[in-house]
Amino acid sequence: MAYCFMHTEKIKSFSNMGARYRHNYRTVEVKNADKSLMDQNHEVIPLPSNENGEQMSYKQAWEQRIKELDYYKTHSVRKNAVLAYEIVTTFSRGRINEVNVEDWKKQNAEWLKKTFDVAPDGKSNVLSMVYHGDEAGNVHCHALVMPIDEQGKLNARRFTGKPSQLTEMQSSYARDMERFGLERGIQNSRAKHTDIKRFYAALNKNIEAPAIKQGERFGDYIERTKDYFKTQMAAAYKKELDERRKGQETLARQRNMEQEAIKKELDATQRLAYETMRELHDSSTKLKQKRADIEYEIELLQKKRNSLRGDIHDAEFDLQVLKDSSWKSQEYDRIQENLELLRGESPELAERVEELLMPEIEIEVTEEQPEEEISEEPAR
């Protein structure tokens, strides 16, 4: 089984950036590099050149990129800012003959740009990517990446602010490497540099030097001893790593299972909380609507009540008018009857009484009754 690996380190000072530049571009001697293989090293993403056509260093390229950003034309870089990342990518040693290295390098460059290129001016955050084929172990790449976010600011939190972001970055890289038959390393497994140092110390104590053969020259013995030690150490180291990896894989799988169980329980709790909140919200919405409907019905009833009150008042007024009209009509009829009796006994007196009373009575009747009912003069 072959694995792919991606490691991210933050660069917070120019001195650290300079040291990485000197190592990656071989401007200093590298102890674990084989000089005979140095011709295999090359730039996959080259550093830019200055006006004189000379290639820039990491710091010079970084400074030029900062000058291009609008934000830093009026602002200074924070003292505690993460200046850049160094991204190292590789795969299981001994698999170089099974992987198309040229395509692997291109895919690494594409993944870096896809992951980090979000700057608003459209320029790449990946300043450099160097391929090394001269170091002991296996081939690998070193990339210098600036953490410029969508607002054109240095912002490492945008890319690696949360553990979940680092985990997703590892998974994303592994997905892009699947085409080469490479798998993601076991999640949550960790190899510690101090463990490897202790292993070498213990190994050196337990390996015994081979005996000098009869007639063997000292120089030949030294070379044979070197080869012997290399073989023994490589075999022992491989065995130790295999056993350690099995243990790490078992622990990592167990840890992943526990995390998955916790995640499922958390998801279920969140779903239940969401459903409960939604039901409460729906109930609240329904109650609010019902209250609004009731308030509207009350408003209609109040309007209807006010209208009925007006109708009742008008009816009472009309009734009173009718009562008054009826009383006046009865009085008029009674006076007419008395006048008729008086005419029979004393016509002259009746005429005088009628002259005195009838104009006032006619005026009142005219105001209270329809015109057609009083249009005729009373009989004399």
Protein backbone atom coordinates (compact mmCIF):
# COMPACT_ATOMS: atom_id res chain seq x y z
CA MET A 1 0.00 0.00 0.00
CA ALA A 2 1.46 3.37 -1.05
CA TYR A 3 0.66 6.59 0.77
CA CYS A 4 0.87 10.29 -0.11
CA PHE A 5 1.98 12.88 2.41
CA MET A 6 1.56 16.66 2.67
CA HIS A 7 3.11 18.74 5.44
CA THR A 8 2.49 22.44 6.17
CA GLU A 9 4.76 24.72 8.20
CA LYS A 10 4.25 28.41 8.97
CA ILE A 11 7.03 30.92 8.26
CA LYS A 12 6.90 33.89 10.64
CA SER A 13 10.30 35.53 10.09
CA PHE A 14 12.50 36.47 7.16
CA SER A 15 15.46 34.66 8.75
CA ASN A 16 13.48 31.42 8.67
CA MET A 17 12.37 32.17 5.13
CA GLY A 18 15.99 32.75 4.10
CA ALA A 19 17.14 29.46 5.64
CA ARG A 20 14.48 27.55 3.73
CA TYR A 21 15.40 29.33 0.50
CA ARG A 22 19.09 28.38 0.90
CA HIS A 23 18.17 24.74 1.59
CA ASN A 24 15.59 24.40 -1.18
CA TYR A 25 17.70 26.14 -3.85
CA ARG A 26 20.94 24.46 -2.73
CA THR A 27 22.89 27.67 -2.20
CA VAL A 28 24.44 25.91 0.82
CA GLU A 29 25.65 22.35 1.27
CA VAL A 30 22.88 19.98 2.36
CA LYS A 31 24.22 17.07 4.43
CA ASN A 32 21.65 14.47 3.41
CA ALA A 33 21.77 15.40 -0.30
CA ASP A 34 23.66 13.30 -2.86
CA LYS A 35 25.66 15.67 -5.06
CA SER A 36 25.69 13.14 -7.89
CA LEU A 37 21.88 13.37 -8.08
CA MET A 38 21.65 17.16 -7.87
CA ASP A 39 20.91 17.41 -11.59
CA GLN A 40 17.52 15.80 -10.86
CA ASN A 41 16.43 18.88 -8.89
CA HIS A 42 14.49 21.55 -10.74
CA GLU A 43 11.83 24.23 -10.36
CA VAL A 44 8.27 23.20 -11.11
CA ILE A 45 6.99 26.73 -10.37
CA PRO A 46 9.97 29.10 -10.78
CA LEU A 47 10.59 32.20 -8.71
CA PRO A 48 10.13 35.48 -10.64
CA SER A 49 13.05 37.49 -12.00
CA ASN A 50 13.92 41.14 -11.37
CA GLU A 51 14.39 43.90 -13.95
CA ASN A 52 17.92 42.67 -14.66
CA GLY A 53 16.71 39.15 -15.42
CA GLU A 54 18.15 37.77 -12.18
CA GLN A 55 16.04 35.30 -10.27
CA MET A 56 14.67 36.62 -6.97
CA SER A 57 15.05 35.01 -3.57
CA TYR A 58 12.06 34.00 -1.43
CA LYS A 59 12.19 37.34 0.42
CA GLN A 60 12.47 39.42 -2.75
CA ALA A 61 9.55 37.60 -4.38
CA TRP A 62 7.51 38.02 -1.18
CA GLU A 63 8.22 41.77 -1.01
CA GLN A 64 7.28 42.23 -4.67
CA ARG A 65 3.97 40.41 -4.12
CA ILE A 66 3.15 42.59 -1.10
CA LYS A 67 3.75 45.76 -3.17
CA GLU A 68 1.20 44.52 -5.72
CA LEU A 69 -1.59 44.35 -3.12
CA ASP A 70 -3.75 47.47 -2.73
CA TYR A 71 -4.28 46.93 1.00
CA TYR A 72 -0.57 47.19 1.81
CA LYS A 73 -0.18 50.44 -0.10
CA THR A 74 -1.79 52.12 2.92
CA HIS A 75 -1.18 49.50 5.65
CA SER A 76 1.82 47.76 7.18
CA VAL A 77 2.19 44.00 7.63
CA ARG A 78 1.39 42.94 11.20
CA LYS A 79 4.44 41.99 13.28
CA ASN A 80 2.95 38.62 14.26
CA ALA A 81 1.63 37.81 10.78
CA VAL A 82 2.31 34.46 9.14
CA LEU A 83 4.43 35.55 6.19
CA ALA A 84 4.16 32.32 4.21
CA TYR A 85 3.79 28.55 4.33
CA GLU A 86 6.30 25.95 3.27
CA ILE A 87 4.34 23.01 1.86
CA VAL A 88 6.24 19.70 1.53
CA THR A 89 4.67 16.89 -0.53
CA THR A 90 5.94 13.35 -1.09
CA PHE A 91 4.85 9.69 -1.20
CA SER A 92 5.93 6.33 0.22
CA ARG A 93 9.58 5.57 -0.31
CA GLY A 94 10.37 2.76 -2.70
CA ARG A 95 7.38 3.58 -4.94
CA ILE A 96 9.14 5.88 -7.38
CA ASN A 97 9.05 3.24 -10.13
CA GLU A 98 5.28 2.84 -9.69
CA VAL A 99 4.43 6.55 -9.93
CA ASN A 100 4.65 8.76 -13.01
CA VAL A 101 6.76 11.41 -11.27
CA GLU A 102 6.37 14.06 -13.99
CA ASP A 103 2.57 13.86 -13.83
CA TRP A 104 2.78 13.72 -10.03
CA LYS A 105 4.74 17.00 -9.95
CA LYS A 106 2.23 18.71 -12.27
CA GLN A 107 -0.69 17.51 -10.17
CA ASN A 108 1.00 18.82 -7.02
CA ALA A 109 1.35 22.25 -8.63
CA GLU A 110 -2.31 22.22 -9.73
CA TRP A 111 -3.48 21.22 -6.24
CA LEU A 112 -1.47 24.05 -4.63
CA LYS A 113 -2.97 26.65 -6.96
CA LYS A 114 -6.48 25.24 -6.59
CA THR A 115 -6.17 25.31 -2.79
CA PHE A 116 -4.45 28.65 -2.19
CA ASP A 117 -5.14 30.94 -5.17
CA VAL A 118 -7.95 33.18 -3.88
CA ALA A 119 -6.31 36.63 -4.07
CA PRO A 120 -8.62 39.34 -5.50
CA ASP A 121 -6.12 40.45 -8.17
CA GLY A 122 -6.13 36.96 -9.70
CA LYS A 123 -2.40 36.40 -9.19
CA SER A 124 -1.07 33.17 -7.71
CA ASN A 125 -0.24 32.83 -4.02
CA VAL A 126 2.22 30.03 -4.89
CA LEU A 127 5.56 31.83 -5.31
CA SER A 128 7.75 28.77 -5.87
CA MET A 129 7.74 24.98 -6.09
CA VAL A 130 11.00 23.01 -6.18
CA TYR A 131 11.38 19.28 -6.87
CA HIS A 132 14.15 17.42 -5.03
CA GLY A 133 15.44 14.09 -6.26
CA ASP A 134 18.84 14.21 -4.55
CA GLU A 135 18.00 13.65 -0.88
CA ALA A 136 18.16 10.36 1.00
CA GLY A 137 14.76 8.73 1.31
CA ASN A 138 12.40 9.65 -1.48
CA VAL A 139 11.61 12.40 -3.96
CA HIS A 140 9.60 15.35 -2.69
CA CYS A 141 8.59 18.95 -3.41
CA HIS A 142 8.99 22.18 -1.44
CA ALA A 143 6.55 25.03 -2.16
CA LEU A 144 6.49 28.58 -0.81
CA VAL A 145 2.91 29.86 -0.49
CA MET A 146 1.65 33.24 0.74
CA PRO A 147 -1.67 33.12 2.69
CA ILE A 148 -3.39 36.00 0.88
CA ASP A 149 -7.17 35.93 1.32
CA GLU A 150 -10.05 37.22 -0.82
CA GLN A 151 -9.63 40.74 0.59
CA GLY A 152 -5.97 40.91 -0.43
CA LYS A 153 -4.60 40.53 3.11
CA LEU A 154 -2.16 38.09 4.72
CA ASN A 155 -4.54 35.83 6.64
CA ALA A 156 -3.35 32.38 7.69
CA ARG A 157 -6.62 31.79 9.57
CA ARG A 158 -8.41 31.73 6.22
CA PHE A 159 -6.53 28.53 5.30
CA THR A 160 -5.33 26.83 8.52
CA GLY A 161 -7.18 28.57 11.35
CA LYS A 162 -9.08 25.46 12.44
CA PRO A 163 -8.02 21.80 12.83
CA SER A 164 -10.89 20.87 10.53
CA GLN A 165 -9.33 23.01 7.77
CA LEU A 166 -6.02 21.15 8.06
CA THR A 167 -7.85 17.82 8.01
CA GLU A 168 -9.80 18.80 4.90
CA MET A 169 -6.59 20.03 3.26
CA GLN A 170 -5.00 16.60 3.83
CA SER A 171 -8.10 14.87 2.44
CA SER A 172 -8.23 17.21 -0.56
CA TYR A 173 -4.59 16.49 -1.37
CA ALA A 174 -5.19 12.74 -1.04
CA ARG A 175 -8.14 12.91 -3.45
CA ASP A 176 -5.92 14.54 -6.08
CA MET A 177 -3.24 11.86 -5.58
CA GLU A 178 -5.59 8.87 -5.94
CA ARG A 179 -4.95 8.78 -9.70
CA PHE A 180 -1.36 7.71 -8.94
CA GLY A 181 -2.45 4.80 -6.76
CA LEU A 182 -1.61 6.73 -3.59
CA GLU A 183 -3.80 6.76 -0.51
CA ARG A 184 -4.21 9.21 2.35
CA GLY A 185 -2.18 8.39 5.45
CA ILE A 186 -4.24 7.06 8.35
CA GLN A 187 -6.06 10.03 9.81
CA ASN A 188 -4.92 11.04 13.33
CA SER A 189 -1.70 8.97 13.08
CA ARG A 190 1.49 10.85 13.87
CA ALA A 191 5.18 10.05 13.46
CA LYS A 192 7.38 11.88 15.97
CA HIS A 193 10.92 12.96 15.11
CA THR A 194 12.09 12.24 18.68
CA ASP A 195 10.97 8.59 18.37
CA ILE A 196 13.07 8.16 15.23
CA LYS A 197 16.13 9.68 16.96
CA ARG A 198 15.74 7.28 19.90
CA PHE A 199 15.41 4.39 17.47
CA TYR A 200 18.70 5.24 15.76
CA ALA A 201 20.47 5.60 19.11
CA ALA A 202 19.28 2.18 20.26
CA LEU A 203 20.13 0.63 16.89
CA ASN A 204 23.71 1.91 16.97
CA LYS A 205 24.25 0.34 20.39
CA ASN A 206 23.01 -3.11 19.34
CA ILE A 207 24.64 -3.54 15.92
CA GLU A 208 28.05 -5.15 16.17
CA ALA A 209 30.73 -4.41 13.62
CA PRO A 210 31.73 -7.37 11.37
CA ALA A 211 35.10 -9.01 11.96
CA ILE A 212 38.08 -8.22 9.71
CA LYS A 213 38.65 -10.96 7.17
CA GLN A 214 42.06 -12.53 6.86
CA GLY A 215 44.20 -10.55 4.45
CA GLU A 216 41.55 -7.81 4.06
CA ARG A 217 42.92 -4.32 3.64
CA PHE A 218 41.76 -1.74 6.15
CA GLY A 219 40.25 0.54 3.49
CA ASP A 220 38.24 -2.37 2.06
CA TYR A 221 37.13 -3.31 5.55
CA ILE A 222 35.87 0.23 6.19
CA GLU A 223 33.84 0.24 2.95
CA ARG A 224 32.45 -3.23 3.69
CA THR A 225 31.54 -2.14 7.20
CA LYS A 226 29.73 0.93 5.89
CA ASP A 227 27.68 -1.22 3.52
CA TYR A 228 26.99 -3.68 6.32
CA PHE A 229 25.80 -0.99 8.68
CA LYS A 230 23.63 0.56 5.99
CA THR A 231 22.00 -2.80 5.23
CA GLN A 232 21.46 -3.67 8.87
CA MET A 233 20.11 -0.26 9.75
CA ALA A 234 17.82 -0.16 6.76
CA ALA A 235 16.40 -3.61 7.52
CA ALA A 236 15.97 -2.87 11.21
CA TYR A 237 14.53 0.55 10.52
CA LYS A 238 12.02 -0.87 8.06
CA LYS A 239 10.96 -3.54 10.53
CA GLU A 240 10.62 -1.00 13.32
CA LEU A 241 8.64 1.37 11.11
CA ASP A 242 6.34 -1.43 9.93
CA GLU A 243 5.59 -2.49 13.50
CA ARG A 244 5.17 1.09 14.64
CA ARG A 245 2.91 1.88 11.71
CA LYS A 246 0.69 -1.13 12.41
CA GLY A 247 0.28 0.06 15.98
CA GLN A 248 -0.40 3.60 14.85
CA GLU A 249 -2.94 2.42 12.29
CA THR A 250 -4.77 0.37 14.93
CA LEU A 251 -4.86 3.30 17.34
CA ALA A 252 -5.81 5.71 14.58
CA ARG A 253 -8.67 3.48 13.39
CA GLN A 254 -9.92 3.12 16.95
CA ARG A 255 -9.68 6.89 17.42
CA ASN A 256 -11.50 7.46 14.15
CA MET A 257 -14.27 5.05 15.16
CA GLU A 258 -14.69 6.86 18.48
CA GLN A 259 -14.74 10.23 16.74
CA GLU A 260 -17.26 8.95 14.20
CA ALA A 261 -19.51 7.66 17.00
CA ILE A 262 -19.27 11.00 18.80
CA LYS A 263 -19.97 12.83 15.55
CA LYS A 264 -23.06 10.70 14.85
CA GLU A 265 -24.37 11.31 18.36
CA LEU A 266 -23.70 15.03 18.02
CA ASP A 267 -25.42 15.11 14.61
CA ALA A 268 -28.44 13.30 16.04
CA THR A 269 -28.61 15.76 18.95
CA GLN A 270 -28.32 18.71 16.58
CA ARG A 271 -31.07 17.29 14.34
CA LEU A 272 -33.35 16.79 17.36
CA ALA A 273 -32.64 20.32 18.56
CA TYR A 274 -33.32 21.66 15.07
CA GLU A 275 -36.61 19.77 14.78
CA THR A 276 -37.68 20.95 18.23
CA MET A 277 -36.83 24.55 17.40
CA ARG A 278 -38.67 24.27 14.09
CA GLU A 279 -41.77 22.84 15.79
CA LEU A 280 -41.67 25.62 18.38
CA HIS A 281 -41.27 28.17 15.63
CA ASP A 282 -44.17 26.66 13.66
CA SER A 283 -46.36 26.62 16.78
CA SER A 284 -45.42 30.20 17.56
CA THR A 285 -46.21 31.22 13.98
CA LYS A 286 -49.60 29.48 14.11
CA LEU A 287 -50.45 31.09 17.45
CA LYS A 288 -49.48 34.51 16.12
CA GLN A 289 -51.69 33.96 13.07
CA LYS A 290 -54.58 32.74 15.22
CA ARG A 291 -54.22 35.77 17.49
CA ALA A 292 -54.20 38.07 14.46
CA ASP A 293 -57.37 36.38 13.14
CA ILE A 294 -59.12 36.76 16.51
CA GLU A 295 -58.10 40.41 16.77
CA TYR A 296 -59.46 40.98 13.26
CA GLU A 297 -62.78 39.31 14.17
CA ILE A 298 -63.00 41.43 17.34
CA GLU A 299 -62.41 44.55 15.26
CA LEU A 300 -65.22 43.54 12.88
CA LEU A 301 -67.58 42.85 15.81
CA GLN A 302 -66.75 46.23 17.34
CA LYS A 303 -67.52 47.96 14.04
CA LYS A 304 -70.78 46.00 13.76
CA ARG A 305 -71.69 46.90 17.36
CA ASN A 306 -71.05 50.59 16.70
CA SER A 307 -73.16 50.40 13.56
CA LEU A 308 -76.01 48.73 15.47
CA ARG A 309 -75.80 51.41 18.15
CA GLY A 310 -76.27 54.04 15.43
CA ASP A 311 -79.21 52.16 13.95
CA ILE A 312 -80.85 51.84 17.40
CA HIS A 313 -80.38 55.56 18.06
CA ASP A 314 -81.95 56.44 14.70
CA ALA A 315 -84.84 54.04 15.34
CA GLU A 316 -85.46 55.57 18.78
CA PHE A 317 -85.48 59.05 17.25
CA ASP A 318 -87.91 57.98 14.50
CA LEU A 319 -90.14 56.34 17.10
CA GLN A 320 -90.23 59.52 19.15
CA VAL A 321 -91.10 61.53 16.05
CA LEU A 322 -93.92 59.12 15.29
CA LYS A 323 -95.20 59.38 18.84
CA ASP A 324 -95.17 63.18 18.69
CA SER A 325 -96.92 63.18 15.31
CA SER A 326 -99.57 60.76 16.54
CA TRP A 327 -100.31 62.91 19.61
CA LYS A 328 -100.67 66.08 17.51
CA SER A 329 -102.93 64.29 15.07
CA GLN A 330 -105.19 63.14 17.90
CA GLU A 331 -105.33 66.69 19.32
CA TYR A 332 -106.28 68.08 15.90
CA ASP A 333 -109.07 65.53 15.53
CA ARG A 334 -110.40 66.34 19.04
CA ILE A 335 -110.46 70.11 18.28
CA GLN A 336 -112.28 69.48 15.00
CA GLU A 337 -114.91 67.41 16.81
CA ASN A 338 -115.44 70.15 19.41
CA LEU A 339 -115.69 72.79 16.69
CA GLU A 340 -118.32 70.72 14.90
CA LEU A 341 -120.35 70.54 18.11
CA LEU A 342 -119.93 74.28 18.65
CA ARG A 343 -121.04 75.04 15.05
CA GLY A 344 -124.25 73.20 15.74
CA GLU A 345 -124.99 75.28 18.79
CA SER A 346 -123.41 78.64 17.85
CA PRO A 347 -121.98 78.98 14.34
CA GLU A 348 -120.68 82.48 14.95
CA LEU A 349 -118.83 81.54 18.10
CA ALA A 350 -117.38 78.46 16.37
CA GLU A 351 -116.09 80.61 13.52
CA ARG A 352 -114.38 83.02 15.90
CA VAL A 353 -112.76 80.14 17.84
CA GLU A 354 -111.58 78.57 14.59
CA GLU A 355 -110.06 81.85 13.45
CA LEU A 356 -108.15 82.06 16.72
CA LEU A 357 -106.94 78.43 16.90
CA MET A 358 -106.64 77.00 13.40
CA PRO A 359 -103.67 79.06 11.98
CA GLU A 360 -101.40 77.86 14.83
CA ILE A 361 -102.66 74.28 14.55
CA GLU A 362 -102.21 74.25 10.76
CA ILE A 363 -98.63 75.48 11.08
CA GLU A 364 -97.72 72.73 13.60
CA VAL A 365 -99.45 70.02 11.55
CA THR A 366 -97.73 71.22 8.37
CA GLU A 367 -94.29 70.94 10.02
CA GLU A 368 -94.89 67.46 11.42
CA GLN A 369 -97.01 65.68 8.74
CA PRO A 370 -96.70 65.07 5.00
CA GLU A 371 -98.09 67.84 2.82
CA GLU A 372 -100.77 65.71 1.14
CA GLU A 373 -102.39 64.92 4.52
CA ILE A 374 -103.07 68.63 5.29
CA SER A 375 -103.58 69.99 1.78
CA GLU A 376 -107.35 70.40 2.21
CA GLU A 377 -108.85 73.16 4.27
CA PRO A 378 -111.01 71.97 7.16
CA ALA A 379 -114.76 72.19 6.48
CA ARG A 380 -116.39 75.27 7.86
